[in-house]
């Protein structure tokens, strides 16, 4: 029973990572994130304001 629970937790973590990667790719495609470049003051992607364009 314990090994089944550990397997399910590992599988759930893997699925969650896959979903997070998919959502992030879609956010970049839909321009919901600003990706930093060499002149940016931030290092991580930041949310975009949809009303600023």
PDB file of N, CA and C in Angstrom:
ATOM      1  N   UNK A   1       0.817  -1.197   0.000  1.00  0.00           N
ATOM      2  CA  UNK A   1       0.000   0.000   0.000  1.00  0.00           C
ATOM      3  C   UNK A   1       0.864   1.265   0.000  1.00  0.00           C
ATOM      4  N   UNK A   2       1.962   1.230   0.772  1.00  0.00           N
ATOM      5  CA  UNK A   2       2.833   2.394   0.859  1.00  0.00           C
ATOM      6  C   UNK A   2       3.528   2.662  -0.477  1.00  0.00           C
ATOM      7  N   UNK A   3       3.933   1.592  -1.188  1.00  0.00           N
ATOM      8  CA  UNK A   3       4.607   1.792  -2.471  1.00  0.00           C
ATOM      9  C   UNK A   3       3.638   2.333  -3.514  1.00  0.00           C
ATOM     10  N   UNK A   4       2.374   1.957  -3.436  1.00  0.00           N
ATOM     11  CA  UNK A   4       1.370   2.498  -4.351  1.00  0.00           C
ATOM     12  C   UNK A   4       1.202   3.992  -4.118  1.00  0.00           C
ATOM     13  N   UNK A   5       1.173   4.402  -2.858  1.00  0.00           N
ATOM     14  CA  UNK A   5       1.032   5.814  -2.537  1.00  0.00           C
ATOM     15  C   UNK A   5       2.252   6.604  -3.019  1.00  0.00           C
ATOM     16  N   UNK A   6       3.444   6.059  -2.833  1.00  0.00           N
ATOM     17  CA  UNK A   6       4.659   6.733  -3.290  1.00  0.00           C
ATOM     18  C   UNK A   6       4.666   6.845  -4.812  1.00  0.00           C
ATOM     19  N   UNK A   7       4.233   5.797  -5.491  1.00  0.00           N
ATOM     20  CA  UNK A   7       4.167   5.823  -6.951  1.00  0.00           C
ATOM     21  C   UNK A   7       3.164   6.865  -7.428  1.00  0.00           C
ATOM     22  N   UNK A   8       2.020   6.935  -6.795  1.00  0.00           N
ATOM     23  CA  UNK A   8       1.002   7.918  -7.172  1.00  0.00           C
ATOM     24  C   UNK A   8       1.485   9.344  -6.923  1.00  0.00           C
ATOM     25  N   UNK A   9       2.203   9.560  -5.826  1.00  0.00           N
ATOM     26  CA  UNK A   9       2.737  10.898  -5.549  1.00  0.00           C
ATOM     27  C   UNK A   9       3.775  11.289  -6.588  1.00  0.00           C
ATOM     28  N   UNK A  10       4.649  10.353  -6.961  1.00  0.00           N
ATOM     29  CA  UNK A  10       5.663  10.633  -7.974  1.00  0.00           C
ATOM     30  C   UNK A  10       5.006  10.919  -9.320  1.00  0.00           C
ATOM     31  N   UNK A  11       4.001  10.150  -9.674  1.00  0.00           N
ATOM     32  CA  UNK A  11       3.284  10.366 -10.925  1.00  0.00           C
ATOM     33  C   UNK A  11       2.569  11.714 -10.916  1.00  0.00           C
ATOM     34  N   UNK A  12       1.965  12.065  -9.805  1.00  0.00           N
ATOM     35  CA  UNK A  12       1.281  13.353  -9.687  1.00  0.00           C
ATOM     36  C   UNK A  12       2.258  14.513  -9.833  1.00  0.00           C
ATOM     37  N   UNK A  13       3.428  14.391  -9.238  1.00  0.00           N
ATOM     38  CA  UNK A  13       4.442  15.443  -9.349  1.00  0.00           C
ATOM     39  C   UNK A  13       4.901  15.594 -10.791  1.00  0.00           C
ATOM     40  N   UNK A  14       5.077  14.488 -11.469  1.00  0.00           N
ATOM     41  CA  UNK A  14       5.510  14.538 -12.873  1.00  0.00           C
ATOM     42  C   UNK A  14       4.442  15.183 -13.756  1.00  0.00           C
ATOM     43  N   UNK A  15       3.196  14.824 -13.546  1.00  0.00           N
ATOM     44  CA  UNK A  15       2.097  15.418 -14.310  1.00  0.00           C
ATOM     45  C   UNK A  15       2.002  16.917 -14.021  1.00  0.00           C
ATOM     46  N   UNK A  16       2.146  17.312 -12.768  1.00  0.00           N
ATOM     47  CA  UNK A  16       2.076  18.728 -12.402  1.00  0.00           C
ATOM     48  C   UNK A  16       3.188  19.528 -13.076  1.00  0.00           C
ATOM     49  N   UNK A  17       4.386  18.976 -13.140  1.00  0.00           N
ATOM     50  CA  UNK A  17       5.494  19.659 -13.817  1.00  0.00           C
ATOM     51  C   UNK A  17       5.212  19.795 -15.307  1.00  0.00           C
ATOM     52  N   UNK A  18       4.655  18.766 -15.900  1.00  0.00           N
ATOM     53  CA  UNK A  18       4.309  18.822 -17.319  1.00  0.00           C
ATOM     54  C   UNK A  18       3.238  19.857 -17.608  1.00  0.00           C
ATOM     55  N   UNK A  19       2.233  19.919 -16.764  1.00  0.00           N
ATOM     56  CA  UNK A  19       1.168  20.907 -16.940  1.00  0.00           C
ATOM     57  C   UNK A  19       1.724  22.317 -16.763  1.00  0.00           C
ATOM     58  N   UNK A  20       2.580  22.524 -15.780  1.00  0.00           N
ATOM     59  CA  UNK A  20       3.176  23.849 -15.556  1.00  0.00           C
ATOM     60  C   UNK A  20       4.010  24.279 -16.757  1.00  0.00           C
ATOM     61  N   UNK A  21       4.776  23.365 -17.339  1.00  0.00           N
ATOM     62  CA  UNK A  21       5.579  23.687 -18.523  1.00  0.00           C
ATOM     63  C   UNK A  21       4.673  24.035 -19.700  1.00  0.00           C
ATOM     64  N   UNK A  22       3.586  23.298 -19.875  1.00  0.00           N
ATOM     65  CA  UNK A  22       2.657  23.564 -20.971  1.00  0.00           C
ATOM     66  C   UNK A  22       2.008  24.940 -20.801  1.00  0.00           C
ATOM     67  N   UNK A  23       1.578  25.258 -19.582  1.00  0.00           N
ATOM     68  CA  UNK A  23       0.947  26.558 -19.325  1.00  0.00           C
ATOM     69  C   UNK A  23       1.938  27.684 -19.585  1.00  0.00           C
ATOM     70  N   UNK A  24       3.177  27.506 -19.178  1.00  0.00           N
ATOM     71  CA  UNK A  24       4.176  28.554 -19.403  1.00  0.00           C
ATOM     72  C   UNK A  24       4.434  28.764 -20.890  1.00  0.00           C
ATOM     73  N   UNK A  25       4.528  27.676 -21.656  1.00  0.00           N
ATOM     74  CA  UNK A  25       4.719  27.819 -23.103  1.00  0.00           C
ATOM     75  C   UNK A  25       3.536  28.544 -23.736  1.00  0.00           C
ATOM     76  N   UNK A  26       2.335  28.202 -23.326  1.00  0.00           N
ATOM     77  CA  UNK A  26       1.151  28.872 -23.868  1.00  0.00           C
ATOM     78  C   UNK A  26       1.138  30.353 -23.476  1.00  0.00           C
ATOM     79  N   UNK A  27       1.552  30.677 -22.274  1.00  0.00           N
ATOM     80  CA  UNK A  27       1.585  32.069 -21.829  1.00  0.00           C
ATOM     81  C   UNK A  27       2.553  32.879 -22.676  1.00  0.00           C
ATOM     82  N   UNK A  28       3.697  32.304 -23.032  1.00  0.00           N
ATOM     83  CA  UNK A  28       4.650  33.000 -23.893  1.00  0.00           C
ATOM     84  C   UNK A  28       4.072  33.183 -25.287  1.00  0.00           C
ATOM     85  N   UNK A  29       3.388  32.165 -25.800  1.00  0.00           N
ATOM     86  CA  UNK A  29       2.783  32.241 -27.126  1.00  0.00           C
ATOM     87  C   UNK A  29       1.700  33.313 -27.181  1.00  0.00           C
ATOM     88  N   UNK A  30       0.908  33.423 -26.134  1.00  0.00           N
ATOM     89  CA  UNK A  30      -0.181  34.399 -26.088  1.00  0.00           C
ATOM     90  C   UNK A  30       0.277  35.771 -25.606  1.00  0.00           C
ATOM     91  N   UNK A  31       1.564  35.940 -25.398  1.00  0.00           N
ATOM     92  CA  UNK A  31       2.160  37.198 -24.922  1.00  0.00           C
ATOM     93  C   UNK A  31       1.599  37.631 -23.571  1.00  0.00           C
ATOM     94  N   UNK A  32       1.419  36.652 -22.703  1.00  0.00           N
ATOM     95  CA  UNK A  32       0.982  36.954 -21.344  1.00  0.00           C
ATOM     96  C   UNK A  32       2.168  37.169 -20.419  1.00  0.00           C
ATOM     97  N   UNK A  33       3.374  36.855 -20.903  1.00  0.00           N
ATOM     98  CA  UNK A  33       4.605  37.052 -20.136  1.00  0.00           C
ATOM     99  C   UNK A  33       5.564  37.920 -20.935  1.00  0.00           C
ATOM    100  N   UNK A  34       6.282  38.777 -20.230  1.00  0.00           N
ATOM    101  CA  UNK A  34       7.389  39.512 -20.833  1.00  0.00           C
ATOM    102  C   UNK A  34       8.661  38.745 -20.512  1.00  0.00           C
ATOM    103  N   UNK A  35       9.399  38.341 -21.536  1.00  0.00           N
ATOM    104  CA  UNK A  35      10.654  37.630 -21.317  1.00  0.00           C
ATOM    105  C   UNK A  35      11.783  38.647 -21.258  1.00  0.00           C
ATOM    106  N   UNK A  36      12.625  38.597 -20.236  1.00  0.00           N
ATOM    107  CA  UNK A  36      13.697  39.582 -20.093  1.00  0.00           C
ATOM    108  C   UNK A  36      14.770  39.414 -21.161  1.00  0.00           C
ATOM    109  N   UNK A  37      15.383  40.531 -21.541  1.00  0.00           N
ATOM    110  CA  UNK A  37      16.536  40.487 -22.437  1.00  0.00           C
ATOM    111  C   UNK A  37      17.738  41.084 -21.700  1.00  0.00           C
ATOM    112  N   UNK A  38      18.834  41.318 -22.400  1.00  0.00           N
ATOM    113  CA  UNK A  38      20.056  41.777 -21.732  1.00  0.00           C
ATOM    114  C   UNK A  38      19.923  43.185 -21.143  1.00  0.00           C
ATOM    115  N   UNK A  39      18.954  43.978 -21.588  1.00  0.00           N
ATOM    116  CA  UNK A  39      18.767  45.333 -21.075  1.00  0.00           C
ATOM    117  C   UNK A  39      17.703  45.417 -19.986  1.00  0.00           C
ATOM    118  N   UNK A  40      17.067  44.322 -19.658  1.00  0.00           N
ATOM    119  CA  UNK A  40      15.973  44.322 -18.683  1.00  0.00           C
ATOM    120  C   UNK A  40      16.484  44.506 -17.258  1.00  0.00           C
ATOM    121  N   UNK A  41      15.616  45.067 -16.434  1.00  0.00           N
ATOM    122  CA  UNK A  41      15.958  45.210 -15.017  1.00  0.00           C
ATOM    123  C   UNK A  41      15.545  43.984 -14.215  1.00  0.00           C
ATOM    124  N   UNK A  42      14.872  43.031 -14.849  1.00  0.00           N
ATOM    125  CA  UNK A  42      14.478  41.808 -14.157  1.00  0.00           C
ATOM    126  C   UNK A  42      15.111  40.600 -14.845  1.00  0.00           C
ATOM    127  N   UNK A  43      15.220  39.515 -14.100  1.00  0.00           N
ATOM    128  CA  UNK A  43      15.870  38.314 -14.621  1.00  0.00           C
ATOM    129  C   UNK A  43      14.863  37.216 -14.966  1.00  0.00           C
ATOM    130  N   UNK A  44      13.682  37.248 -14.368  1.00  0.00           N
ATOM    131  CA  UNK A  44      12.667  36.215 -14.568  1.00  0.00           C
ATOM    132  C   UNK A  44      11.539  36.773 -15.436  1.00  0.00           C
ATOM    133  N   UNK A  45      10.818  35.907 -16.147  1.00  0.00           N
ATOM    134  CA  UNK A  45       9.648  36.383 -16.888  1.00  0.00           C
ATOM    135  C   UNK A  45       8.648  37.039 -15.937  1.00  0.00           C
ATOM    136  N   UNK A  46       8.049  38.136 -16.381  1.00  0.00           N
ATOM    137  CA  UNK A  46       7.074  38.846 -15.560  1.00  0.00           C
ATOM    138  C   UNK A  46       5.732  38.886 -16.287  1.00  0.00           C
ATOM    139  N   UNK A  47       4.632  38.951 -15.551  1.00  0.00           N
ATOM    140  CA  UNK A  47       3.317  39.000 -16.189  1.00  0.00           C
ATOM    141  C   UNK A  47       3.158  40.251 -17.042  1.00  0.00           C
ATOM    142  N   UNK A  48       2.460  40.107 -18.126  1.00  0.00           N
ATOM    143  CA  UNK A  48       2.198  41.218 -19.022  1.00  0.00           C
ATOM    144  C   UNK A  48       0.874  41.869 -18.660  1.00  0.00           C
ATOM    145  N   UNK A  49       0.781  43.158 -18.908  1.00  0.00           N
ATOM    146  CA  UNK A  49      -0.472  43.874 -18.732  1.00  0.00           C
ATOM    147  C   UNK A  49      -1.190  43.864 -20.076  1.00  0.00           C
ATOM    148  N   UNK A  50      -2.313  43.164 -20.208  1.00  0.00           N
ATOM    149  CA  UNK A  50      -2.979  43.069 -21.510  1.00  0.00           C
ATOM    150  C   UNK A  50      -3.523  44.404 -22.003  1.00  0.00           C
ATOM    151  N   UNK A  51      -3.652  45.393 -21.133  1.00  0.00           N
ATOM    152  CA  UNK A  51      -4.198  46.682 -21.527  1.00  0.00           C
ATOM    153  C   UNK A  51      -3.120  47.702 -21.875  1.00  0.00           C
ATOM    154  N   UNK A  52      -1.848  47.316 -21.835  1.00  0.00           N
ATOM    155  CA  UNK A  52      -0.769  48.277 -22.079  1.00  0.00           C
ATOM    156  C   UNK A  52      -0.410  48.387 -23.551  1.00  0.00           C
ATOM    157  N   UNK A  53      -0.960  47.547 -24.410  1.00  0.00           N
ATOM    158  CA  UNK A  53      -0.583  47.569 -25.836  1.00  0.00           C
ATOM    159  C   UNK A  53      -1.444  48.511 -26.595  1.00  0.00           C
TER     160      UNK A  53
END
